[in-house]
Amino acid sequence: MSELIEVFTKDGSYSLRSTLFQENFHSLLGALEETKIKFTAPSDLQRFKGKSLNVLDICFGLGYNSASLLNELIKQKSHLNWYALEIDKKPLEYVLKNKSFQNLWSPKVKKIFLSLNQNDYFEDEFFKCRILWGDAREKINIIPADNKFDIIYLDGFSPQKCPQVWTIEFLSKVTQKLNHQGYLITYSSSAAVRKTLRNLGLEIFTIKPSLDSKTSWSWGTVAIAKFDKNKLKPNLNFKNLSLMEEEHLLTKASIPYRDKDLNSSTEDIIKKRLNEQLSSNLLSTKKWREKWGMTKSAFKS
């Protein structure tokens, strides 16, 4: 694994660092903790106790998000139709050799992951799972058109490192896969991503940071399709965007990533957006930060 370096995080769980993207798969505060706070909790899986749900995991990576999902659904005897998109098989191979990772979950989770690694598929009376290996921009087209998802996890490397999965064009394909009232959940609080999702017709919410967090104003985004506030149950994990976050969407940081033919390189997507930002009359992100007393490290644009 020359491109992947093992990382031990503060909550005792393991993660990896990509030397290609120069970015960790998870926060150093804890891979497991991040998964629970930014993905599992906002999913509100109790809604599906004893029922069926459809889930799409984009950028499966080490599998923490889906392992946590599966673990909860096993407990509550829910039925699951699950797809995942991932370009690199090495992280899955890593966790299948990592006893600490396996000890976090029900033994059935390891059984499912083994089958995904060997056969790209798993099925029993409760779960039907399939992973598609390759560029997510291409593989999302393989998912049958009539498959609509109740939950979509989007957990790629940050937009400035891997913009391919954060562009208008790709997010348009993703949002078309959402069920009515379906949740798209991501750790990203990027203004470009949020503005794009809002322009695609989704209602945007911010994932609340913990009360003891002194540096983070958001732990991610929940975007809900065909939003109906009368059907949305109270959720303690996310809330409406604050005034500060709304103003973030009026800055140059909100200019989207573009990939017209869904085959552009990282460099081309970043360059095109930078040129658009330079010619824009929108408020600079620097002025927004100054107004709200934000440090540059507190957000990703």
C-alpha atoms as a PDB file:
ATOM      1  CA  MET A   1       0.000   0.000   0.000  1.00  0.00           C
ATOM      2  CA  SER A   2       2.587   2.553  -1.112  1.00  0.00           C
ATOM      3  CA  GLU A   3      -0.046   5.271  -1.469  1.00  0.00           C
ATOM      4  CA  LEU A   4      -1.743   4.602   1.901  1.00  0.00           C
ATOM      5  CA  ILE A   5      -0.302   5.175   5.367  1.00  0.00           C
ATOM      6  CA  GLU A   6      -1.892   3.761   8.526  1.00  0.00           C
ATOM      7  CA  VAL A   7      -3.127   6.397  10.987  1.00  0.00           C
ATOM      8  CA  PHE A   8      -4.140   5.810  14.620  1.00  0.00           C
ATOM      9  CA  THR A   9      -6.780   8.352  15.678  1.00  0.00           C
ATOM     10  CA  LYS A  10      -7.486   9.794  19.120  1.00  0.00           C
ATOM     11  CA  ASP A  11     -10.602   7.694  19.817  1.00  0.00           C
ATOM     12  CA  GLY A  12      -8.554   4.506  19.362  1.00  0.00           C
ATOM     13  CA  SER A  13      -9.791   3.663  15.859  1.00  0.00           C
ATOM     14  CA  TYR A  14      -7.616   3.259  12.789  1.00  0.00           C
ATOM     15  CA  SER A  15      -7.729   5.189   9.539  1.00  0.00           C
ATOM     16  CA  LEU A  16      -5.508   5.774   6.516  1.00  0.00           C
ATOM     17  CA  ARG A  17      -3.794   8.688   4.841  1.00  0.00           C
ATOM     18  CA  SER A  18      -3.617   8.964   1.059  1.00  0.00           C
ATOM     19  CA  THR A  19      -0.244  10.175  -0.171  1.00  0.00           C
ATOM     20  CA  LEU A  20      -1.858  10.781  -3.582  1.00  0.00           C
ATOM     21  CA  PHE A  21      -4.442  13.217  -2.205  1.00  0.00           C
ATOM     22  CA  GLN A  22      -2.287  14.326   0.751  1.00  0.00           C
ATOM     23  CA  GLU A  23      -5.303  13.922   3.003  1.00  0.00           C
ATOM     24  CA  ASN A  24      -6.501  11.572   5.734  1.00  0.00           C
ATOM     25  CA  PHE A  25      -9.618   9.463   5.295  1.00  0.00           C
ATOM     26  CA  HIS A  26     -10.854  10.731   8.687  1.00  0.00           C
ATOM     27  CA  SER A  27     -10.249  13.420  11.267  1.00  0.00           C
ATOM     28  CA  LEU A  28      -7.435  12.669  13.698  1.00  0.00           C
ATOM     29  CA  LEU A  29      -9.993  13.128  16.494  1.00  0.00           C
ATOM     30  CA  GLY A  30     -11.382   9.722  15.604  1.00  0.00           C
ATOM     31  CA  ALA A  31     -12.511   7.706  12.592  1.00  0.00           C
ATOM     32  CA  LEU A  32     -15.239   5.933  14.546  1.00  0.00           C
ATOM     33  CA  GLU A  33     -16.404   9.093  16.301  1.00  0.00           C
ATOM     34  CA  GLU A  34     -16.564  10.989  13.005  1.00  0.00           C
ATOM     35  CA  THR A  35     -18.637   8.242  11.419  1.00  0.00           C
ATOM     36  CA  LYS A  36     -21.167   8.216  14.237  1.00  0.00           C
ATOM     37  CA  ILE A  37     -21.538  11.994  14.480  1.00  0.00           C
ATOM     38  CA  LYS A  38     -21.406  12.959  10.817  1.00  0.00           C
ATOM     39  CA  PHE A  39     -23.172  10.017   9.180  1.00  0.00           C
ATOM     40  CA  THR A  40     -24.907   7.487  11.439  1.00  0.00           C
ATOM     41  CA  ALA A  41     -26.633   9.901  13.846  1.00  0.00           C
ATOM     42  CA  PRO A  42     -28.024  12.252  11.150  1.00  0.00           C
ATOM     43  CA  SER A  43     -29.384   9.198   9.284  1.00  0.00           C
ATOM     44  CA  ASP A  44     -31.973   8.689  12.041  1.00  0.00           C
ATOM     45  CA  LEU A  45     -32.059   4.957  11.333  1.00  0.00           C
ATOM     46  CA  GLN A  46     -34.803   4.303  13.891  1.00  0.00           C
ATOM     47  CA  ARG A  47     -37.176   5.526  11.180  1.00  0.00           C
ATOM     48  CA  PHE A  48     -36.600   2.211   9.441  1.00  0.00           C
ATOM     49  CA  LYS A  49     -36.884  -0.179  12.395  1.00  0.00           C
ATOM     50  CA  GLY A  50     -38.440  -3.393  11.078  1.00  0.00           C
ATOM     51  CA  LYS A  51     -38.806  -1.782   7.640  1.00  0.00           C
ATOM     52  CA  SER A  52     -36.889  -1.626   4.367  1.00  0.00           C
ATOM     53  CA  LEU A  53     -34.562   1.097   3.122  1.00  0.00           C
ATOM     54  CA  ASN A  54     -32.282   1.804   0.180  1.00  0.00           C
ATOM     55  CA  VAL A  55     -28.800   3.262   0.764  1.00  0.00           C
ATOM     56  CA  LEU A  56     -26.039   4.453  -1.578  1.00  0.00           C
ATOM     57  CA  ASP A  57     -22.512   4.927  -0.181  1.00  0.00           C
ATOM     58  CA  ILE A  58     -20.395   7.069  -2.510  1.00  0.00           C
ATOM     59  CA  CYS A  59     -16.654   6.805  -1.839  1.00  0.00           C
ATOM     60  CA  PHE A  60     -16.957   3.727   0.392  1.00  0.00           C
ATOM     61  CA  GLY A  61     -13.276   3.947   1.394  1.00  0.00           C
ATOM     62  CA  LEU A  62     -12.528   2.023   4.582  1.00  0.00           C
ATOM     63  CA  GLY A  63     -16.215   1.264   5.008  1.00  0.00           C
ATOM     64  CA  TYR A  64     -16.761   2.893   8.411  1.00  0.00           C
ATOM     65  CA  ASN A  65     -19.996   4.596   7.342  1.00  0.00           C
ATOM     66  CA  SER A  66     -21.563   1.467   5.923  1.00  0.00           C
ATOM     67  CA  ALA A  67     -20.234  -0.759   8.702  1.00  0.00           C
ATOM     68  CA  SER A  68     -21.913   1.495  11.259  1.00  0.00           C
ATOM     69  CA  LEU A  69     -25.093   1.531   9.176  1.00  0.00           C
ATOM     70  CA  LEU A  70     -25.128  -2.259   8.854  1.00  0.00           C
ATOM     71  CA  ASN A  71     -24.405  -2.698  12.538  1.00  0.00           C
ATOM     72  CA  GLU A  72     -27.451  -0.636  13.504  1.00  0.00           C
ATOM     73  CA  LEU A  73     -29.735  -2.279  10.941  1.00  0.00           C
ATOM     74  CA  ILE A  74     -28.739  -5.751  12.167  1.00  0.00           C
ATOM     75  CA  LYS A  75     -29.866  -4.765  15.667  1.00  0.00           C
ATOM     76  CA  GLN A  76     -33.221  -3.413  14.528  1.00  0.00           C
ATOM     77  CA  LYS A  77     -33.927  -6.133  11.944  1.00  0.00           C
ATOM     78  CA  SER A  78     -34.331  -3.793   9.011  1.00  0.00           C
ATOM     79  CA  HIS A  79     -34.160  -4.879   5.381  1.00  0.00           C
ATOM     80  CA  LEU A  80     -31.574  -3.140   3.219  1.00  0.00           C
ATOM     81  CA  ASN A  81     -30.888  -2.667  -0.479  1.00  0.00           C
ATOM     82  CA  TRP A  82     -27.367  -1.172  -0.615  1.00  0.00           C
ATOM     83  CA  TYR A  83     -25.015   0.045  -3.318  1.00  0.00           C
ATOM     84  CA  ALA A  84     -21.514   1.484  -2.927  1.00  0.00           C
ATOM     85  CA  LEU A  85     -19.180   3.265  -5.330  1.00  0.00           C
ATOM     86  CA  GLU A  86     -15.416   3.103  -4.765  1.00  0.00           C
ATOM     87  CA  ILE A  87     -12.387   3.476  -7.024  1.00  0.00           C
ATOM     88  CA  ASP A  88      -9.758   1.760  -4.835  1.00  0.00           C
ATOM     89  CA  LYS A  89      -9.981  -1.727  -3.332  1.00  0.00           C
ATOM     90  CA  LYS A  90      -6.952  -1.357  -1.040  1.00  0.00           C
ATOM     91  CA  PRO A  91      -8.779   0.306   1.900  1.00  0.00           C
ATOM     92  CA  LEU A  92     -11.292  -2.559   2.072  1.00  0.00           C
ATOM     93  CA  GLU A  93      -8.460  -5.092   1.948  1.00  0.00           C
ATOM     94  CA  TYR A  94      -6.791  -3.184   4.790  1.00  0.00           C
ATOM     95  CA  VAL A  95      -9.792  -3.285   7.162  1.00  0.00           C
ATOM     96  CA  LEU A  96     -10.319  -6.995   6.487  1.00  0.00           C
ATOM     97  CA  LYS A  97      -6.864  -7.544   7.980  1.00  0.00           C
ATOM     98  CA  ASN A  98      -7.364  -5.093  10.848  1.00  0.00           C
ATOM     99  CA  LYS A  99      -8.697  -6.828  13.974  1.00  0.00           C
ATOM    100  CA  SER A 100      -9.374  -3.524  15.741  1.00  0.00           C
ATOM    101  CA  PHE A 101     -11.736  -2.466  12.950  1.00  0.00           C
ATOM    102  CA  GLN A 102     -13.519  -5.821  12.927  1.00  0.00           C
ATOM    103  CA  ASN A 103     -14.001  -5.775  16.700  1.00  0.00           C
ATOM    104  CA  LEU A 104     -16.085  -2.607  16.395  1.00  0.00           C
ATOM    105  CA  TRP A 105     -18.926  -4.383  14.620  1.00  0.00           C
ATOM    106  CA  SER A 106     -21.153  -7.423  14.558  1.00  0.00           C
ATOM    107  CA  PRO A 107     -19.421 -10.507  13.013  1.00  0.00           C
ATOM    108  CA  LYS A 108     -21.944 -10.285  10.190  1.00  0.00           C
ATOM    109  CA  VAL A 109     -20.403  -7.009   9.046  1.00  0.00           C
ATOM    110  CA  LYS A 110     -17.082  -8.771   8.434  1.00  0.00           C
ATOM    111  CA  LYS A 111     -18.947 -11.513   6.556  1.00  0.00           C
ATOM    112  CA  ILE A 112     -20.543  -8.898   4.302  1.00  0.00           C
ATOM    113  CA  PHE A 113     -17.250  -7.087   3.718  1.00  0.00           C
ATOM    114  CA  LEU A 114     -15.487 -10.349   2.859  1.00  0.00           C
ATOM    115  CA  SER A 115     -18.141 -11.118   0.282  1.00  0.00           C
ATOM    116  CA  LEU A 116     -17.887  -7.607  -1.179  1.00  0.00           C
ATOM    117  CA  ASN A 117     -14.117  -8.015  -1.463  1.00  0.00           C
ATOM    118  CA  GLN A 118     -14.324 -11.450  -3.085  1.00  0.00           C
ATOM    119  CA  ASN A 119     -17.536 -11.211  -5.101  1.00  0.00           C
ATOM    120  CA  ASP A 120     -18.526  -7.518  -5.146  1.00  0.00           C
ATOM    121  CA  TYR A 121     -21.850  -8.753  -3.757  1.00  0.00           C
ATOM    122  CA  PHE A 122     -23.668 -10.053  -0.686  1.00  0.00           C
ATOM    123  CA  GLU A 123     -27.238 -11.224  -0.206  1.00  0.00           C
ATOM    124  CA  ASP A 124     -29.284 -12.895   2.532  1.00  0.00           C
ATOM    125  CA  GLU A 125     -32.861 -12.622   3.827  1.00  0.00           C
ATOM    126  CA  PHE A 126     -32.252  -9.101   5.192  1.00  0.00           C
ATOM    127  CA  PHE A 127     -29.516  -7.484   3.110  1.00  0.00           C
ATOM    128  CA  LYS A 128     -28.811  -7.155  -0.586  1.00  0.00           C
ATOM    129  CA  CYS A 129     -25.470  -5.390  -1.125  1.00  0.00           C
ATOM    130  CA  ARG A 130     -23.433  -4.570  -4.230  1.00  0.00           C
ATOM    131  CA  ILE A 131     -20.238  -2.552  -4.617  1.00  0.00           C
ATOM    132  CA  LEU A 132     -19.207  -1.059  -7.971  1.00  0.00           C
ATOM    133  CA  TRP A 133     -15.466  -0.541  -8.428  1.00  0.00           C
ATOM    134  CA  GLY A 134     -14.204   2.333 -10.562  1.00  0.00           C
ATOM    135  CA  ASP A 135     -14.745   6.045 -11.213  1.00  0.00           C
ATOM    136  CA  ALA A 136     -17.975   7.050  -9.451  1.00  0.00           C
ATOM    137  CA  ARG A 137     -18.817   9.386 -12.337  1.00  0.00           C
ATOM    138  CA  GLU A 138     -19.140   6.346 -14.581  1.00  0.00           C
ATOM    139  CA  LYS A 139     -20.312   3.661 -12.152  1.00  0.00           C
ATOM    140  CA  ILE A 140     -23.312   5.623 -10.896  1.00  0.00           C
ATOM    141  CA  ASN A 141     -24.845   5.025 -14.335  1.00  0.00           C
ATOM    142  CA  ILE A 142     -24.828   1.247 -13.729  1.00  0.00           C
ATOM    143  CA  ILE A 143     -27.282   1.535 -10.842  1.00  0.00           C
ATOM    144  CA  PRO A 144     -30.746   0.747 -12.263  1.00  0.00           C
ATOM    145  CA  ALA A 145     -32.722   3.925 -12.956  1.00  0.00           C
ATOM    146  CA  ASP A 146     -35.635   2.787 -10.801  1.00  0.00           C
ATOM    147  CA  ASN A 147     -33.391   2.477  -7.711  1.00  0.00           C
ATOM    148  CA  LYS A 148     -34.100   5.504  -5.536  1.00  0.00           C
ATOM    149  CA  PHE A 149     -32.353   5.880  -2.196  1.00  0.00           C
ATOM    150  CA  ASP A 150     -33.590   6.881   1.242  1.00  0.00           C
ATOM    151  CA  ILE A 151     -30.046   7.737   2.330  1.00  0.00           C
ATOM    152  CA  ILE A 152     -26.992   8.665   0.281  1.00  0.00           C
ATOM    153  CA  TYR A 153     -23.596   9.048   1.947  1.00  0.00           C
ATOM    154  CA  LEU A 154     -21.088  11.241   0.113  1.00  0.00           C
ATOM    155  CA  ASP A 155     -17.669  10.867   1.734  1.00  0.00           C
ATOM    156  CA  GLY A 156     -15.002  11.588  -0.863  1.00  0.00           C
ATOM    157  CA  PHE A 157     -11.805  13.492  -0.212  1.00  0.00           C
ATOM    158  CA  SER A 158     -12.396  17.227   0.217  1.00  0.00           C
ATOM    159  CA  PRO A 159     -13.625  19.266  -2.769  1.00  0.00           C
ATOM    160  CA  GLN A 160     -10.287  21.002  -3.261  1.00  0.00           C
ATOM    161  CA  LYS A 161      -8.458  17.648  -3.291  1.00  0.00           C
ATOM    162  CA  CYS A 162     -10.955  15.539  -5.257  1.00  0.00           C
ATOM    163  CA  PRO A 163     -13.433  17.902  -6.965  1.00  0.00           C
ATOM    164  CA  GLN A 164     -14.699  15.200  -9.342  1.00  0.00           C
ATOM    165  CA  VAL A 165     -17.384  14.009  -6.905  1.00  0.00           C
ATOM    166  CA  TRP A 166     -18.479  17.529  -5.893  1.00  0.00           C
ATOM    167  CA  THR A 167     -19.308  19.086  -9.272  1.00  0.00           C
ATOM    168  CA  ILE A 168     -22.700  20.334 -10.439  1.00  0.00           C
ATOM    169  CA  GLU A 169     -22.840  17.578 -13.024  1.00  0.00           C
ATOM    170  CA  PHE A 170     -22.077  14.701 -10.665  1.00  0.00           C
ATOM    171  CA  LEU A 171     -24.226  16.020  -7.821  1.00  0.00           C
ATOM    172  CA  SER A 172     -27.086  16.361 -10.287  1.00  0.00           C
ATOM    173  CA  LYS A 173     -26.826  12.640 -11.002  1.00  0.00           C
ATOM    174  CA  VAL A 174     -26.637  11.907  -7.281  1.00  0.00           C
ATOM    175  CA  THR A 175     -29.680  13.966  -6.341  1.00  0.00           C
ATOM    176  CA  GLN A 176     -31.721  12.277  -9.070  1.00  0.00           C
ATOM    177  CA  LYS A 177     -31.166   9.044  -7.137  1.00  0.00           C
ATOM    178  CA  LEU A 178     -32.850  10.339  -3.978  1.00  0.00           C
ATOM    179  CA  ASN A 179     -36.309   9.229  -2.876  1.00  0.00           C
ATOM    180  CA  HIS A 180     -38.874  11.801  -1.791  1.00  0.00           C
ATOM    181  CA  GLN A 181     -37.716  12.951   1.644  1.00  0.00           C
ATOM    182  CA  GLY A 182     -34.420  11.147   1.009  1.00  0.00           C
ATOM    183  CA  TYR A 183     -31.318  12.341   2.886  1.00  0.00           C
ATOM    184  CA  LEU A 184     -27.999  13.119   1.205  1.00  0.00           C
ATOM    185  CA  ILE A 185     -25.445  13.253   4.043  1.00  0.00           C
ATOM    186  CA  THR A 186     -21.874  14.513   3.821  1.00  0.00           C
ATOM    187  CA  TYR A 187     -19.183  15.750   6.199  1.00  0.00           C
ATOM    188  CA  SER A 188     -18.574  18.738   3.887  1.00  0.00           C
ATOM    189  CA  SER A 189     -19.783  22.211   4.779  1.00  0.00           C
ATOM    190  CA  SER A 190     -18.303  23.648   1.581  1.00  0.00           C
ATOM    191  CA  ALA A 191     -20.249  26.656   0.291  1.00  0.00           C
ATOM    192  CA  ALA A 192     -19.813  25.392  -3.271  1.00  0.00           C
ATOM    193  CA  VAL A 193     -21.346  22.022  -2.401  1.00  0.00           C
ATOM    194  CA  ARG A 194     -24.182  23.473  -0.341  1.00  0.00           C
ATOM    195  CA  LYS A 195     -25.085  26.095  -2.952  1.00  0.00           C
ATOM    196  CA  THR A 196     -25.060  23.451  -5.688  1.00  0.00           C
ATOM    197  CA  LEU A 197     -27.349  21.144  -3.704  1.00  0.00           C
ATOM    198  CA  ARG A 198     -29.723  24.018  -2.967  1.00  0.00           C
ATOM    199  CA  ASN A 199     -29.793  24.996  -6.643  1.00  0.00           C
ATOM    200  CA  LEU A 200     -30.647  21.380  -7.453  1.00  0.00           C
ATOM    201  CA  GLY A 201     -33.780  21.757  -5.338  1.00  0.00           C
ATOM    202  CA  LEU A 202     -32.737  20.236  -2.012  1.00  0.00           C
ATOM    203  CA  GLU A 203     -33.346  21.723   1.427  1.00  0.00           C
ATOM    204  CA  ILE A 204     -30.051  22.250   3.235  1.00  0.00           C
ATOM    205  CA  PHE A 205     -29.339  21.648   6.922  1.00  0.00           C
ATOM    206  CA  THR A 206     -26.151  21.819   8.977  1.00  0.00           C
ATOM    207  CA  ILE A 207     -24.968  18.957  11.175  1.00  0.00           C
ATOM    208  CA  LYS A 208     -24.540  20.323  14.688  1.00  0.00           C
ATOM    209  CA  PRO A 209     -21.056  20.184  16.210  1.00  0.00           C
ATOM    210  CA  SER A 210     -20.772  18.981  19.776  1.00  0.00           C
ATOM    211  CA  LEU A 211     -21.137  21.552  22.532  1.00  0.00           C
ATOM    212  CA  ASP A 212     -17.466  21.200  23.458  1.00  0.00           C
ATOM    213  CA  SER A 213     -16.257  21.915  19.918  1.00  0.00           C
ATOM    214  CA  LYS A 214     -14.423  25.247  19.986  1.00  0.00           C
ATOM    215  CA  THR A 215     -13.223  25.363  16.378  1.00  0.00           C
ATOM    216  CA  SER A 216     -15.970  23.862  14.221  1.00  0.00           C
ATOM    217  CA  TRP A 217     -19.218  25.629  13.329  1.00  0.00           C
ATOM    218  CA  SER A 218     -20.595  22.677  11.382  1.00  0.00           C
ATOM    219  CA  TRP A 219     -19.847  18.989  11.114  1.00  0.00           C
ATOM    220  CA  GLY A 220     -21.376  18.578   7.710  1.00  0.00           C
ATOM    221  CA  THR A 221     -24.508  18.864   5.627  1.00  0.00           C
ATOM    222  CA  VAL A 222     -27.816  17.054   5.304  1.00  0.00           C
ATOM    223  CA  ALA A 223     -29.684  17.789   2.070  1.00  0.00           C
ATOM    224  CA  ILE A 224     -33.274  16.567   1.825  1.00  0.00           C
ATOM    225  CA  ALA A 225     -35.067  15.938  -1.463  1.00  0.00           C
ATOM    226  CA  LYS A 226     -38.679  17.012  -2.050  1.00  0.00           C
ATOM    227  CA  PHE A 227     -38.596  18.510   1.407  1.00  0.00           C
ATOM    228  CA  ASP A 228     -41.869  18.518   3.342  1.00  0.00           C
ATOM    229  CA  LYS A 229     -41.468  20.077   6.779  1.00  0.00           C
ATOM    230  CA  ASN A 230     -44.707  18.432   7.912  1.00  0.00           C
ATOM    231  CA  LYS A 231     -43.189  14.985   7.339  1.00  0.00           C
ATOM    232  CA  LEU A 232     -39.774  15.712   8.817  1.00  0.00           C
ATOM    233  CA  LYS A 233     -39.533  14.371  12.341  1.00  0.00           C
ATOM    234  CA  PRO A 234     -37.548  16.377  14.910  1.00  0.00           C
ATOM    235  CA  ASN A 235     -33.858  15.567  14.614  1.00  0.00           C
ATOM    236  CA  LEU A 236     -31.415  16.636  17.285  1.00  0.00           C
ATOM    237  CA  ASN A 237     -28.452  16.127  14.970  1.00  0.00           C
ATOM    238  CA  PHE A 238     -29.061  18.793  12.337  1.00  0.00           C
ATOM    239  CA  LYS A 239     -30.705  22.216  12.074  1.00  0.00           C
ATOM    240  CA  ASN A 240     -31.272  25.098   9.652  1.00  0.00           C
ATOM    241  CA  LEU A 241     -28.210  26.980   8.450  1.00  0.00           C
ATOM    242  CA  SER A 242     -27.175  29.901  10.644  1.00  0.00           C
ATOM    243  CA  LEU A 243     -26.984  33.454   9.300  1.00  0.00           C
ATOM    244  CA  MET A 244     -23.215  33.048   9.095  1.00  0.00           C
ATOM    245  CA  GLU A 245     -23.596  29.913   6.973  1.00  0.00           C
ATOM    246  CA  GLU A 246     -26.212  31.546   4.747  1.00  0.00           C
ATOM    247  CA  GLU A 247     -23.846  34.450   4.112  1.00  0.00           C
ATOM    248  CA  HIS A 248     -21.118  31.933   3.235  1.00  0.00           C
ATOM    249  CA  LEU A 249     -23.319  30.941   0.288  1.00  0.00           C
ATOM    250  CA  LEU A 250     -23.167  34.521  -1.023  1.00  0.00           C
ATOM    251  CA  THR A 251     -19.373  34.575  -1.314  1.00  0.00           C
ATOM    252  CA  LYS A 252     -16.957  33.478  -4.017  1.00  0.00           C
ATOM    253  CA  ALA A 253     -16.583  30.224  -2.089  1.00  0.00           C
ATOM    254  CA  SER A 254     -20.058  29.272  -3.329  1.00  0.00           C
ATOM    255  CA  ILE A 255     -18.989  29.202  -6.974  1.00  0.00           C
ATOM    256  CA  PRO A 256     -19.471  25.590  -8.048  1.00  0.00           C
ATOM    257  CA  TYR A 257     -17.102  22.975  -9.351  1.00  0.00           C
ATOM    258  CA  ARG A 258     -17.847  22.117 -12.985  1.00  0.00           C
ATOM    259  CA  ASP A 259     -17.163  18.981 -15.031  1.00  0.00           C
ATOM    260  CA  LYS A 260     -19.338  19.253 -18.130  1.00  0.00           C
ATOM    261  CA  ASP A 261     -18.541  15.850 -19.644  1.00  0.00           C
ATOM    262  CA  LEU A 262     -17.827  14.099 -16.324  1.00  0.00           C
ATOM    263  CA  ASN A 263     -14.294  13.201 -17.356  1.00  0.00           C
ATOM    264  CA  SER A 264     -12.191  16.232 -16.368  1.00  0.00           C
ATOM    265  CA  SER A 265      -9.023  16.001 -14.316  1.00  0.00           C
ATOM    266  CA  THR A 266      -8.610  17.491 -10.856  1.00  0.00           C
ATOM    267  CA  GLU A 267      -6.378  20.209 -12.267  1.00  0.00           C
ATOM    268  CA  ASP A 268      -8.852  21.229 -14.978  1.00  0.00           C
ATOM    269  CA  ILE A 269     -11.805  21.429 -12.571  1.00  0.00           C
ATOM    270  CA  ILE A 270      -9.851  23.478 -10.014  1.00  0.00           C
ATOM    271  CA  LYS A 271      -8.442  25.824 -12.678  1.00  0.00           C
ATOM    272  CA  LYS A 272     -11.838  26.450 -14.234  1.00  0.00           C
ATOM    273  CA  ARG A 273     -13.374  27.292 -10.858  1.00  0.00           C
ATOM    274  CA  LEU A 274     -10.474  29.570  -9.896  1.00  0.00           C
ATOM    275  CA  ASN A 275     -10.871  31.543 -13.117  1.00  0.00           C
ATOM    276  CA  GLU A 276     -14.589  31.894 -12.436  1.00  0.00           C
ATOM    277  CA  GLN A 277     -13.896  33.101  -8.892  1.00  0.00           C
ATOM    278  CA  LEU A 278     -11.363  35.679 -10.115  1.00  0.00           C
ATOM    279  CA  SER A 279     -13.901  37.218 -12.486  1.00  0.00           C
ATOM    280  CA  SER A 280     -16.789  37.095  -9.999  1.00  0.00           C
ATOM    281  CA  ASN A 281     -18.268  40.148  -8.262  1.00  0.00           C
ATOM    282  CA  LEU A 282     -19.372  38.117  -5.250  1.00  0.00           C
ATOM    283  CA  LEU A 283     -18.040  38.963  -1.790  1.00  0.00           C
ATOM    284  CA  SER A 284     -14.591  37.559  -1.138  1.00  0.00           C
ATOM    285  CA  THR A 285     -14.381  34.673   1.298  1.00  0.00           C
ATOM    286  CA  LYS A 286     -11.698  36.606   3.171  1.00  0.00           C
ATOM    287  CA  LYS A 287     -14.138  39.423   3.984  1.00  0.00           C
ATOM    288  CA  TRP A 288     -16.730  36.900   5.128  1.00  0.00           C
ATOM    289  CA  ARG A 289     -14.169  35.293   7.433  1.00  0.00           C
ATOM    290  CA  GLU A 290     -13.166  38.658   8.849  1.00  0.00           C
ATOM    291  CA  LYS A 291     -16.775  39.608   9.545  1.00  0.00           C
ATOM    292  CA  TRP A 292     -17.443  36.407  11.465  1.00  0.00           C
ATOM    293  CA  GLY A 293     -14.026  36.089  13.101  1.00  0.00           C
ATOM    294  CA  MET A 294     -13.290  32.844  11.286  1.00  0.00           C
ATOM    295  CA  THR A 295      -9.852  31.364  10.759  1.00  0.00           C
ATOM    296  CA  LYS A 296      -9.079  29.959   7.350  1.00  0.00           C
ATOM    297  CA  SER A 297      -8.623  26.485   8.804  1.00  0.00           C
ATOM    298  CA  ALA A 298     -12.181  26.464  10.159  1.00  0.00           C
ATOM    299  CA  PHE A 299     -13.779  25.704   6.818  1.00  0.00           C
ATOM    300  CA  LYS A 300     -13.208  24.299   3.357  1.00  0.00           C
ATOM    301  CA  SER A 301     -14.462  26.296   0.381  1.00  0.00           C
END
